[in-house]
Amino acid sequence: TEGIGIDRVTANFDSAILDGAFQATDTEAIEMAFFLLQNDGLFVGPSAALNVVGAVKLARKLGPGHTIVTVLCDGGDRYRSKVFNRVWLKEKGLEPCLL
C-alpha cells in the first residue's frame, strides 16, 4: 500500500545474514492493522502490521513453545487518509473483513 518492499539489495543488507523471510500481501497487512486495532487497541501503520503478519507466520511455522518478537515501527495516525479511510480502501480493493 505504501511501497514497503523493494526489488534490490541495499548496501546495509548486502552482507546481512538472514535466517529467512516471509512474503505477505497488502490485504494481509490491512487485515492485521484492523485486527490489532479492534482486538488489542493498537493503532498501527502498515509497516508495523506487516511485521506482525510475519511474526504470526513464523509462530505458526515454529509451533507452540517459542517466543516471537517483532517491532511495531509505525503508528496509524499518519495513515488516516489511506489505510484507515474506507473510501480509499474500497478504491484499492482492500476493504478488510473487520469493517
PDB file of N, CA and C in Angstrom:
ATOM      1  N   THR A   1       0.809  -1.208   0.000  1.00  0.00           N
ATOM      2  CA  THR A   1       0.000   0.000   0.000  1.00  0.00           C
ATOM      3  C   THR A   1       0.845   1.261   0.000  1.00  0.00           C
ATOM      4  N   GLU A   2       1.988   1.208   0.641  1.00  0.00           N
ATOM      5  CA  GLU A   2       2.843   2.381   0.776  1.00  0.00           C
ATOM      6  C   GLU A   2       4.249   2.119   0.254  1.00  0.00           C
ATOM      7  N   GLY A   3       4.457   1.053  -0.473  1.00  0.00           N
ATOM      8  CA  GLY A   3       5.775   0.797  -1.043  1.00  0.00           C
ATOM      9  C   GLY A   3       6.779   0.256  -0.050  1.00  0.00           C
ATOM     10  N   ILE A   4       6.399  -0.716   0.747  1.00  0.00           N
ATOM     11  CA  ILE A   4       7.290  -1.270   1.761  1.00  0.00           C
ATOM     12  C   ILE A   4       8.429  -2.055   1.132  1.00  0.00           C
ATOM     13  N   GLY A   5       8.145  -2.886   0.169  1.00  0.00           N
ATOM     14  CA  GLY A   5       9.163  -3.754  -0.408  1.00  0.00           C
ATOM     15  C   GLY A   5       9.874  -3.123  -1.586  1.00  0.00           C
ATOM     16  N   ILE A   6      11.113  -3.521  -1.794  1.00  0.00           N
ATOM     17  CA  ILE A   6      11.872  -3.074  -2.959  1.00  0.00           C
ATOM     18  C   ILE A   6      12.494  -4.287  -3.630  1.00  0.00           C
ATOM     19  N   ASP A   7      12.857  -4.135  -4.883  1.00  0.00           N
ATOM     20  CA  ASP A   7      13.385  -5.252  -5.660  1.00  0.00           C
ATOM     21  C   ASP A   7      14.900  -5.227  -5.804  1.00  0.00           C
ATOM     22  N   ARG A   8      15.596  -4.627  -4.852  1.00  0.00           N
ATOM     23  CA  ARG A   8      17.054  -4.585  -4.907  1.00  0.00           C
ATOM     24  C   ARG A   8      17.617  -4.739  -3.492  1.00  0.00           C
ATOM     25  N   VAL A   9      18.882  -5.096  -3.424  1.00  0.00           N
ATOM     26  CA  VAL A   9      19.562  -5.238  -2.136  1.00  0.00           C
ATOM     27  C   VAL A   9      20.307  -3.941  -1.855  1.00  0.00           C
ATOM     28  N   THR A  10      19.972  -3.293  -0.748  1.00  0.00           N
ATOM     29  CA  THR A  10      20.638  -2.047  -0.381  1.00  0.00           C
ATOM     30  C   THR A  10      21.957  -2.349   0.329  1.00  0.00           C
ATOM     31  N   ALA A  11      22.820  -1.364   0.388  1.00  0.00           N
ATOM     32  CA  ALA A  11      24.162  -1.548   0.959  1.00  0.00           C
ATOM     33  C   ALA A  11      24.120  -2.069   2.396  1.00  0.00           C
ATOM     34  N   ASN A  12      23.167  -1.593   3.189  1.00  0.00           N
ATOM     35  CA  ASN A  12      23.108  -2.031   4.584  1.00  0.00           C
ATOM     36  C   ASN A  12      22.681  -3.497   4.729  1.00  0.00           C
ATOM     37  N   PHE A  13      22.103  -4.087   3.698  1.00  0.00           N
ATOM     38  CA  PHE A  13      21.726  -5.503   3.749  1.00  0.00           C
ATOM     39  C   PHE A  13      22.639  -6.388   2.899  1.00  0.00           C
ATOM     40  N   ASP A  14      23.568  -5.788   2.208  1.00  0.00           N
ATOM     41  CA  ASP A  14      24.409  -6.528   1.283  1.00  0.00           C
ATOM     42  C   ASP A  14      25.136  -7.701   1.942  1.00  0.00           C
ATOM     43  N   SER A  15      25.626  -7.519   3.158  1.00  0.00           N
ATOM     44  CA  SER A  15      26.347  -8.598   3.838  1.00  0.00           C
ATOM     45  C   SER A  15      25.568  -9.154   5.033  1.00  0.00           C
ATOM     46  N   ALA A  16      24.294  -8.845   5.110  1.00  0.00           N
ATOM     47  CA  ALA A  16      23.473  -9.319   6.229  1.00  0.00           C
ATOM     48  C   ALA A  16      23.279 -10.835   6.158  1.00  0.00           C
ATOM     49  N   ILE A  17      23.248 -11.450   7.325  1.00  0.00           N
ATOM     50  CA  ILE A  17      22.963 -12.878   7.429  1.00  0.00           C
ATOM     51  C   ILE A  17      21.534 -13.011   7.948  1.00  0.00           C
ATOM     52  N   LEU A  18      20.658 -13.530   7.131  1.00  0.00           N
ATOM     53  CA  LEU A  18      19.253 -13.650   7.481  1.00  0.00           C
ATOM     54  C   LEU A  18      18.894 -15.107   7.747  1.00  0.00           C
ATOM     55  N   ASP A  19      18.017 -15.316   8.711  1.00  0.00           N
ATOM     56  CA  ASP A  19      17.511 -16.660   8.986  1.00  0.00           C
ATOM     57  C   ASP A  19      16.412 -17.044   8.004  1.00  0.00           C
ATOM     58  N   GLY A  20      15.786 -16.064   7.417  1.00  0.00           N
ATOM     59  CA  GLY A  20      14.703 -16.326   6.486  1.00  0.00           C
ATOM     60  C   GLY A  20      13.842 -15.089   6.330  1.00  0.00           C
ATOM     61  N   ALA A  21      12.822 -15.224   5.512  1.00  0.00           N
ATOM     62  CA  ALA A  21      11.902 -14.116   5.273  1.00  0.00           C
ATOM     63  C   ALA A  21      10.546 -14.678   4.900  1.00  0.00           C
ATOM     64  N   PHE A  22       9.529 -13.865   5.094  1.00  0.00           N
ATOM     65  CA  PHE A  22       8.168 -14.237   4.721  1.00  0.00           C
ATOM     66  C   PHE A  22       7.623 -13.192   3.772  1.00  0.00           C
ATOM     67  N   GLN A  23       6.795 -13.613   2.847  1.00  0.00           N
ATOM     68  CA  GLN A  23       6.087 -12.682   1.984  1.00  0.00           C
ATOM     69  C   GLN A  23       4.687 -12.492   2.526  1.00  0.00           C
ATOM     70  N   ALA A  24       4.160 -11.295   2.326  1.00  0.00           N
ATOM     71  CA  ALA A  24       2.794 -11.003   2.741  1.00  0.00           C
ATOM     72  C   ALA A  24       2.176 -10.047   1.731  1.00  0.00           C
ATOM     73  N   THR A  25       0.886 -10.058   1.670  1.00  0.00           N
ATOM     74  CA  THR A  25       0.157  -9.204   0.728  1.00  0.00           C
ATOM     75  C   THR A  25      -0.318  -7.925   1.411  1.00  0.00           C
ATOM     76  N   ASP A  26      -0.692  -6.951   0.584  1.00  0.00           N
ATOM     77  CA  ASP A  26      -1.309  -5.733   1.120  1.00  0.00           C
ATOM     78  C   ASP A  26      -2.554  -6.086   1.922  1.00  0.00           C
ATOM     79  N   THR A  27      -3.320  -7.040   1.420  1.00  0.00           N
ATOM     80  CA  THR A  27      -4.555  -7.442   2.115  1.00  0.00           C
ATOM     81  C   THR A  27      -4.244  -7.977   3.506  1.00  0.00           C
ATOM     82  N   GLU A  28      -3.220  -8.804   3.626  1.00  0.00           N
ATOM     83  CA  GLU A  28      -2.843  -9.336   4.946  1.00  0.00           C
ATOM     84  C   GLU A  28      -2.433  -8.209   5.891  1.00  0.00           C
ATOM     85  N   ALA A  29      -1.693  -7.241   5.392  1.00  0.00           N
ATOM     86  CA  ALA A  29      -1.260  -6.116   6.234  1.00  0.00           C
ATOM     87  C   ALA A  29      -2.452  -5.277   6.687  1.00  0.00           C
ATOM     88  N   ILE A  30      -3.367  -4.984   5.767  1.00  0.00           N
ATOM     89  CA  ILE A  30      -4.554  -4.192   6.119  1.00  0.00           C
ATOM     90  C   ILE A  30      -5.416  -4.945   7.122  1.00  0.00           C
ATOM     91  N   GLU A  31      -5.649  -6.227   6.866  1.00  0.00           N
ATOM     92  CA  GLU A  31      -6.447  -7.043   7.792  1.00  0.00           C
ATOM     93  C   GLU A  31      -5.810  -7.040   9.186  1.00  0.00           C
ATOM     94  N   MET A  32      -4.489  -7.162   9.243  1.00  0.00           N
ATOM     95  CA  MET A  32      -3.806  -7.196  10.536  1.00  0.00           C
ATOM     96  C   MET A  32      -3.906  -5.844  11.237  1.00  0.00           C
ATOM     97  N   ALA A  33      -3.778  -4.750  10.505  1.00  0.00           N
ATOM     98  CA  ALA A  33      -3.892  -3.425  11.119  1.00  0.00           C
ATOM     99  C   ALA A  33      -5.251  -3.272  11.792  1.00  0.00           C
ATOM    100  N   PHE A  34      -6.316  -3.694  11.126  1.00  0.00           N
ATOM    101  CA  PHE A  34      -7.652  -3.593  11.706  1.00  0.00           C
ATOM    102  C   PHE A  34      -7.853  -4.605  12.830  1.00  0.00           C
ATOM    103  N   PHE A  35      -7.282  -5.791  12.698  1.00  0.00           N
ATOM    104  CA  PHE A  35      -7.359  -6.791  13.767  1.00  0.00           C
ATOM    105  C   PHE A  35      -6.708  -6.259  15.038  1.00  0.00           C
ATOM    106  N   LEU A  36      -5.509  -5.692  14.910  1.00  0.00           N
ATOM    107  CA  LEU A  36      -4.799  -5.162  16.082  1.00  0.00           C
ATOM    108  C   LEU A  36      -5.559  -4.012  16.719  1.00  0.00           C
ATOM    109  N   LEU A  37      -6.175  -3.173  15.907  1.00  0.00           N
ATOM    110  CA  LEU A  37      -6.951  -2.060  16.443  1.00  0.00           C
ATOM    111  C   LEU A  37      -8.184  -2.570  17.179  1.00  0.00           C
ATOM    112  N   GLN A  38      -8.912  -3.475  16.567  1.00  0.00           N
ATOM    113  CA  GLN A  38     -10.156  -3.975  17.149  1.00  0.00           C
ATOM    114  C   GLN A  38      -9.929  -4.875  18.367  1.00  0.00           C
ATOM    115  N   ASN A  39      -8.921  -5.735  18.318  1.00  0.00           N
ATOM    116  CA  ASN A  39      -8.745  -6.733  19.376  1.00  0.00           C
ATOM    117  C   ASN A  39      -7.735  -6.361  20.448  1.00  0.00           C
ATOM    118  N   ASP A  40      -6.757  -5.525  20.112  1.00  0.00           N
ATOM    119  CA  ASP A  40      -5.706  -5.199  21.065  1.00  0.00           C
ATOM    120  C   ASP A  40      -5.595  -3.703  21.355  1.00  0.00           C
ATOM    121  N   GLY A  41      -6.394  -2.895  20.664  1.00  0.00           N
ATOM    122  CA  GLY A  41      -6.338  -1.458  20.871  1.00  0.00           C
ATOM    123  C   GLY A  41      -5.049  -0.828  20.366  1.00  0.00           C
ATOM    124  N   LEU A  42      -4.373  -1.486  19.430  1.00  0.00           N
ATOM    125  CA  LEU A  42      -3.122  -0.971  18.872  1.00  0.00           C
ATOM    126  C   LEU A  42      -3.403  -0.324  17.521  1.00  0.00           C
ATOM    127  N   PHE A  43      -3.137   0.969  17.425  1.00  0.00           N
ATOM    128  CA  PHE A  43      -3.382   1.745  16.206  1.00  0.00           C
ATOM    129  C   PHE A  43      -2.067   1.856  15.448  1.00  0.00           C
ATOM    130  N   VAL A  44      -1.801   0.874  14.587  1.00  0.00           N
ATOM    131  CA  VAL A  44      -0.508   0.782  13.914  1.00  0.00           C
ATOM    132  C   VAL A  44      -0.648   1.073  12.426  1.00  0.00           C
ATOM    133  N   GLY A  45       0.469   1.431  11.807  1.00  0.00           N
ATOM    134  CA  GLY A  45       0.521   1.634  10.370  1.00  0.00           C
ATOM    135  C   GLY A  45       0.800   0.336   9.641  1.00  0.00           C
ATOM    136  N   PRO A  46       0.856   0.402   8.328  1.00  0.00           N
ATOM    137  CA  PRO A  46       1.016  -0.816   7.531  1.00  0.00           C
ATOM    138  C   PRO A  46       2.356  -1.524   7.737  1.00  0.00           C
ATOM    139  N   SER A  47       3.415  -0.802   8.032  1.00  0.00           N
ATOM    140  CA  SER A  47       4.708  -1.471   8.255  1.00  0.00           C
ATOM    141  C   SER A  47       4.675  -2.305   9.529  1.00  0.00           C
ATOM    142  N   ALA A  48       4.131  -1.733  10.589  1.00  0.00           N
ATOM    143  CA  ALA A  48       4.008  -2.484  11.841  1.00  0.00           C
ATOM    144  C   ALA A  48       3.066  -3.673  11.660  1.00  0.00           C
ATOM    145  N   ALA A  49       1.966  -3.460  10.961  1.00  0.00           N
ATOM    146  CA  ALA A  49       1.022  -4.548  10.717  1.00  0.00           C
ATOM    147  C   ALA A  49       1.690  -5.669   9.925  1.00  0.00           C
ATOM    148  N   LEU A  50       2.502  -5.292   8.950  1.00  0.00           N
ATOM    149  CA  LEU A  50       3.218  -6.289   8.158  1.00  0.00           C
ATOM    150  C   LEU A  50       4.209  -7.073   9.016  1.00  0.00           C
ATOM    151  N   ASN A  51       4.870  -6.386   9.940  1.00  0.00           N
ATOM    152  CA  ASN A  51       5.773  -7.083  10.869  1.00  0.00           C
ATOM    153  C   ASN A  51       5.011  -8.114  11.694  1.00  0.00           C
ATOM    154  N   VAL A  52       3.811  -7.779  12.124  1.00  0.00           N
ATOM    155  CA  VAL A  52       3.011  -8.719  12.910  1.00  0.00           C
ATOM    156  C   VAL A  52       2.572  -9.894  12.045  1.00  0.00           C
ATOM    157  N   VAL A  53       2.221  -9.627  10.803  1.00  0.00           N
ATOM    158  CA  VAL A  53       1.876 -10.728   9.885  1.00  0.00           C
ATOM    159  C   VAL A  53       3.050 -11.702   9.801  1.00  0.00           C
ATOM    160  N   GLY A  54       4.260 -11.173   9.648  1.00  0.00           N
ATOM    161  CA  GLY A  54       5.443 -12.034   9.602  1.00  0.00           C
ATOM    162  C   GLY A  54       5.657 -12.791  10.891  1.00  0.00           C
ATOM    163  N   ALA A  55       5.419 -12.130  12.021  1.00  0.00           N
ATOM    164  CA  ALA A  55       5.577 -12.789  13.319  1.00  0.00           C
ATOM    165  C   ALA A  55       4.569 -13.925  13.475  1.00  0.00           C
ATOM    166  N   VAL A  56       3.346 -13.711  13.031  1.00  0.00           N
ATOM    167  CA  VAL A  56       2.320 -14.762  13.103  1.00  0.00           C
ATOM    168  C   VAL A  56       2.702 -15.936  12.203  1.00  0.00           C
ATOM    169  N   LYS A  57       3.188 -15.639  11.009  1.00  0.00           N
ATOM    170  CA  LYS A  57       3.611 -16.723  10.098  1.00  0.00           C
ATOM    171  C   LYS A  57       4.760 -17.530  10.698  1.00  0.00           C
ATOM    172  N   LEU A  58       5.707 -16.834  11.329  1.00  0.00           N
ATOM    173  CA  LEU A  58       6.815 -17.536  11.972  1.00  0.00           C
ATOM    174  C   LEU A  58       6.318 -18.383  13.143  1.00  0.00           C
ATOM    175  N   ALA A  59       5.410 -17.832  13.945  1.00  0.00           N
ATOM    176  CA  ALA A  59       4.866 -18.582  15.085  1.00  0.00           C
ATOM    177  C   ALA A  59       4.146 -19.848  14.614  1.00  0.00           C
ATOM    178  N   ARG A  60       3.409 -19.738  13.544  1.00  0.00           N
ATOM    179  CA  ARG A  60       2.720 -20.912  13.001  1.00  0.00           C
ATOM    180  C   ARG A  60       3.717 -21.943  12.477  1.00  0.00           C
ATOM    181  N   LYS A  61       4.802 -21.464  11.872  1.00  0.00           N
ATOM    182  CA  LYS A  61       5.826 -22.374  11.350  1.00  0.00           C
ATOM    183  C   LYS A  61       6.561 -23.087  12.485  1.00  0.00           C
ATOM    184  N   LEU A  62       6.913 -22.362  13.543  1.00  0.00           N
ATOM    185  CA  LEU A  62       7.682 -22.944  14.648  1.00  0.00           C
ATOM    186  C   LEU A  62       6.828 -23.781  15.595  1.00  0.00           C
ATOM    187  N   GLY A  63       5.560 -23.415  15.726  1.00  0.00           N
ATOM    188  CA  GLY A  63       4.673 -24.140  16.622  1.00  0.00           C
ATOM    189  C   GLY A  63       4.774 -23.663  18.060  1.00  0.00           C
ATOM    190  N   PRO A  64       4.033 -24.318  18.950  1.00  0.00           N
ATOM    191  CA  PRO A  64       3.997 -23.909  20.354  1.00  0.00           C
ATOM    192  C   PRO A  64       5.368 -23.992  21.031  1.00  0.00           C
ATOM    193  N   GLY A  65       5.518 -23.189  22.081  1.00  0.00           N
ATOM    194  CA  GLY A  65       6.726 -23.256  22.894  1.00  0.00           C
ATOM    195  C   GLY A  65       7.833 -22.312  22.479  1.00  0.00           C
ATOM    196  N   HIS A  66       7.564 -21.398  21.567  1.00  0.00           N
ATOM    197  CA  HIS A  66       8.577 -20.449  21.110  1.00  0.00           C
ATOM    198  C   HIS A  66       8.127 -19.026  21.425  1.00  0.00           C
ATOM    199  N   THR A  67       9.080 -18.149  21.605  1.00  0.00           N
ATOM    200  CA  THR A  67       8.797 -16.730  21.813  1.00  0.00           C
ATOM    201  C   THR A  67       9.172 -15.988  20.542  1.00  0.00           C
ATOM    202  N   ILE A  68       8.239 -15.225  20.014  1.00  0.00           N
ATOM    203  CA  ILE A  68       8.447 -14.448  18.794  1.00  0.00           C
ATOM    204  C   ILE A  68       8.388 -12.968  19.175  1.00  0.00           C
ATOM    205  N   VAL A  69       9.339 -12.197  18.690  1.00  0.00           N
ATOM    206  CA  VAL A  69       9.391 -10.760  18.975  1.00  0.00           C
ATOM    207  C   VAL A  69       9.404 -10.001  17.658  1.00  0.00           C
ATOM    208  N   THR A  70       8.668  -8.899  17.592  1.00  0.00           N
ATOM    209  CA  THR A  70       8.706  -8.030  16.420  1.00  0.00           C
ATOM    210  C   THR A  70       8.676  -6.584  16.880  1.00  0.00           C
ATOM    211  N   VAL A  71       8.754  -5.678  15.942  1.00  0.00           N
ATOM    212  CA  VAL A  71       8.770  -4.250  16.238  1.00  0.00           C
ATOM    213  C   VAL A  71       7.540  -3.600  15.617  1.00  0.00           C
ATOM    214  N   LEU A  72       6.839  -2.811  16.413  1.00  0.00           N
ATOM    215  CA  LEU A  72       5.722  -2.023  15.888  1.00  0.00           C
ATOM    216  C   LEU A  72       6.300  -0.661  15.517  1.00  0.00           C
ATOM    217  N   CYS A  73       6.745  -0.553  14.272  1.00  0.00           N
ATOM    218  CA  CYS A  73       7.609   0.551  13.848  1.00  0.00           C
ATOM    219  C   CYS A  73       6.887   1.801  13.360  1.00  0.00           C
ATOM    220  N   ASP A  74       5.578   1.757  13.220  1.00  0.00           N
ATOM    221  CA  ASP A  74       4.857   2.965  12.834  1.00  0.00           C
ATOM    222  C   ASP A  74       3.460   2.968  13.425  1.00  0.00           C
ATOM    223  N   GLY A  75       2.982   4.164  13.721  1.00  0.00           N
ATOM    224  CA  GLY A  75       1.644   4.332  14.252  1.00  0.00           C
ATOM    225  C   GLY A  75       0.649   4.571  13.126  1.00  0.00           C
ATOM    226  N   GLY A  76      -0.610   4.372  13.420  1.00  0.00           N
ATOM    227  CA  GLY A  76      -1.653   4.512  12.407  1.00  0.00           C
ATOM    228  C   GLY A  76      -2.059   5.931  12.097  1.00  0.00           C
ATOM    229  N   ASP A  77      -1.679   6.879  12.930  1.00  0.00           N
ATOM    230  CA  ASP A  77      -2.156   8.241  12.752  1.00  0.00           C
ATOM    231  C   ASP A  77      -1.772   8.836  11.397  1.00  0.00           C
ATOM    232  N   ARG A  78      -0.599   8.502  10.904  1.00  0.00           N
ATOM    233  CA  ARG A  78      -0.147   9.037   9.614  1.00  0.00           C
ATOM    234  C   ARG A  78      -0.913   8.438   8.434  1.00  0.00           C
ATOM    235  N   TYR A  79      -1.698   7.415   8.671  1.00  0.00           N
ATOM    236  CA  TYR A  79      -2.366   6.690   7.597  1.00  0.00           C
ATOM    237  C   TYR A  79      -3.887   6.835   7.633  1.00  0.00           C
ATOM    238  N   ARG A  80      -4.385   7.835   8.357  1.00  0.00           N
ATOM    239  CA  ARG A  80      -5.840   8.039   8.434  1.00  0.00           C
ATOM    240  C   ARG A  80      -6.466   8.273   7.069  1.00  0.00           C
ATOM    241  N   SER A  81      -5.766   8.973   6.177  1.00  0.00           N
ATOM    242  CA  SER A  81      -6.336   9.304   4.871  1.00  0.00           C
ATOM    243  C   SER A  81      -6.254   8.148   3.879  1.00  0.00           C
ATOM    244  N   LYS A  82      -5.539   7.095   4.223  1.00  0.00           N
ATOM    245  CA  LYS A  82      -5.418   5.952   3.321  1.00  0.00           C
ATOM    246  C   LYS A  82      -5.848   4.666   4.010  1.00  0.00           C
ATOM    247  N   VAL A  83      -4.958   4.071   4.772  1.00  0.00           N
ATOM    248  CA  VAL A  83      -5.216   2.758   5.365  1.00  0.00           C
ATOM    249  C   VAL A  83      -6.477   2.741   6.225  1.00  0.00           C
ATOM    250  N   PHE A  84      -6.766   3.837   6.899  1.00  0.00           N
ATOM    251  CA  PHE A  84      -7.947   3.874   7.764  1.00  0.00           C
ATOM    252  C   PHE A  84      -9.070   4.722   7.172  1.00  0.00           C
ATOM    253  N   ASN A  85      -9.095   4.819   5.857  1.00  0.00           N
ATOM    254  CA  ASN A  85     -10.119   5.558   5.131  1.00  0.00           C
ATOM    255  C   ASN A  85     -10.896   4.561   4.281  1.00  0.00           C
ATOM    256  N   ARG A  86     -12.163   4.371   4.600  1.00  0.00           N
ATOM    257  CA  ARG A  86     -12.967   3.349   3.909  1.00  0.00           C
ATOM    258  C   ARG A  86     -13.072   3.585   2.406  1.00  0.00           C
ATOM    259  N   VAL A  87     -13.161   4.844   1.999  1.00  0.00           N
ATOM    260  CA  VAL A  87     -13.258   5.149   0.563  1.00  0.00           C
ATOM    261  C   VAL A  87     -11.977   4.734  -0.150  1.00  0.00           C
ATOM    262  N   TRP A  88     -10.826   5.099   0.398  1.00  0.00           N
ATOM    263  CA  TRP A  88      -9.543   4.739  -0.209  1.00  0.00           C
ATOM    264  C   TRP A  88      -9.385   3.220  -0.271  1.00  0.00           C
ATOM    265  N   LEU A  89      -9.728   2.546   0.827  1.00  0.00           N
ATOM    266  CA  LEU A  89      -9.622   1.086   0.860  1.00  0.00           C
ATOM    267  C   LEU A  89     -10.493   0.444  -0.221  1.00  0.00           C
ATOM    268  N   LYS A  90     -11.719   0.959  -0.362  1.00  0.00           N
ATOM    269  CA  LYS A  90     -12.632   0.404  -1.371  1.00  0.00           C
ATOM    270  C   LYS A  90     -12.088   0.635  -2.773  1.00  0.00           C
ATOM    271  N   GLU A  91     -11.542   1.841  -3.040  1.00  0.00           N
ATOM    272  CA  GLU A  91     -10.954   2.135  -4.352  1.00  0.00           C
ATOM    273  C   GLU A  91      -9.814   1.184  -4.688  1.00  0.00           C
ATOM    274  N   LYS A  92      -9.056   0.772  -3.677  1.00  0.00           N
ATOM    275  CA  LYS A  92      -7.906  -0.108  -3.883  1.00  0.00           C
ATOM    276  C   LYS A  92      -8.261  -1.586  -3.801  1.00  0.00           C
ATOM    277  N   GLY A  93      -9.521  -1.891  -3.491  1.00  0.00           N
ATOM    278  CA  GLY A  93      -9.937  -3.281  -3.349  1.00  0.00           C
ATOM    279  C   GLY A  93      -9.358  -3.937  -2.112  1.00  0.00           C
ATOM    280  N   LEU A  94      -9.184  -3.134  -1.044  1.00  0.00           N
ATOM    281  CA  LEU A  94      -8.530  -3.625   0.186  1.00  0.00           C
ATOM    282  C   LEU A  94      -9.425  -3.536   1.413  1.00  0.00           C
ATOM    283  N   GLU A  95     -10.725  -3.532   1.231  1.00  0.00           N
ATOM    284  CA  GLU A  95     -11.613  -3.436   2.383  1.00  0.00           C
ATOM    285  C   GLU A  95     -11.433  -4.635   3.309  1.00  0.00           C
ATOM    286  N   PRO A  96     -11.038  -4.407   4.553  1.00  0.00           N
ATOM    287  CA  PRO A  96     -10.855  -5.527   5.473  1.00  0.00           C
ATOM    288  C   PRO A  96     -12.195  -6.122   5.902  1.00  0.00           C
ATOM    289  N   CYS A  97     -12.166  -7.378   6.229  1.00  0.00           N
ATOM    290  CA  CYS A  97     -13.375  -8.079   6.672  1.00  0.00           C
ATOM    291  C   CYS A  97     -13.917  -7.513   7.976  1.00  0.00           C
ATOM    292  N   LEU A  98     -13.057  -6.871   8.769  1.00  0.00           N
ATOM    293  CA  LEU A  98     -13.469  -6.381  10.082  1.00  0.00           C
ATOM    294  C   LEU A  98     -14.259  -5.088  10.031  1.00  0.00           C
ATOM    295  N   LEU A  99     -14.369  -4.441   8.866  1.00  0.00           N
ATOM    296  CA  LEU A  99     -15.137  -3.197   8.774  1.00  0.00           C
ATOM    297  C   LEU A  99     -16.602  -3.466   8.856  1.00  0.00           C
TER     298      LEU A  99
END
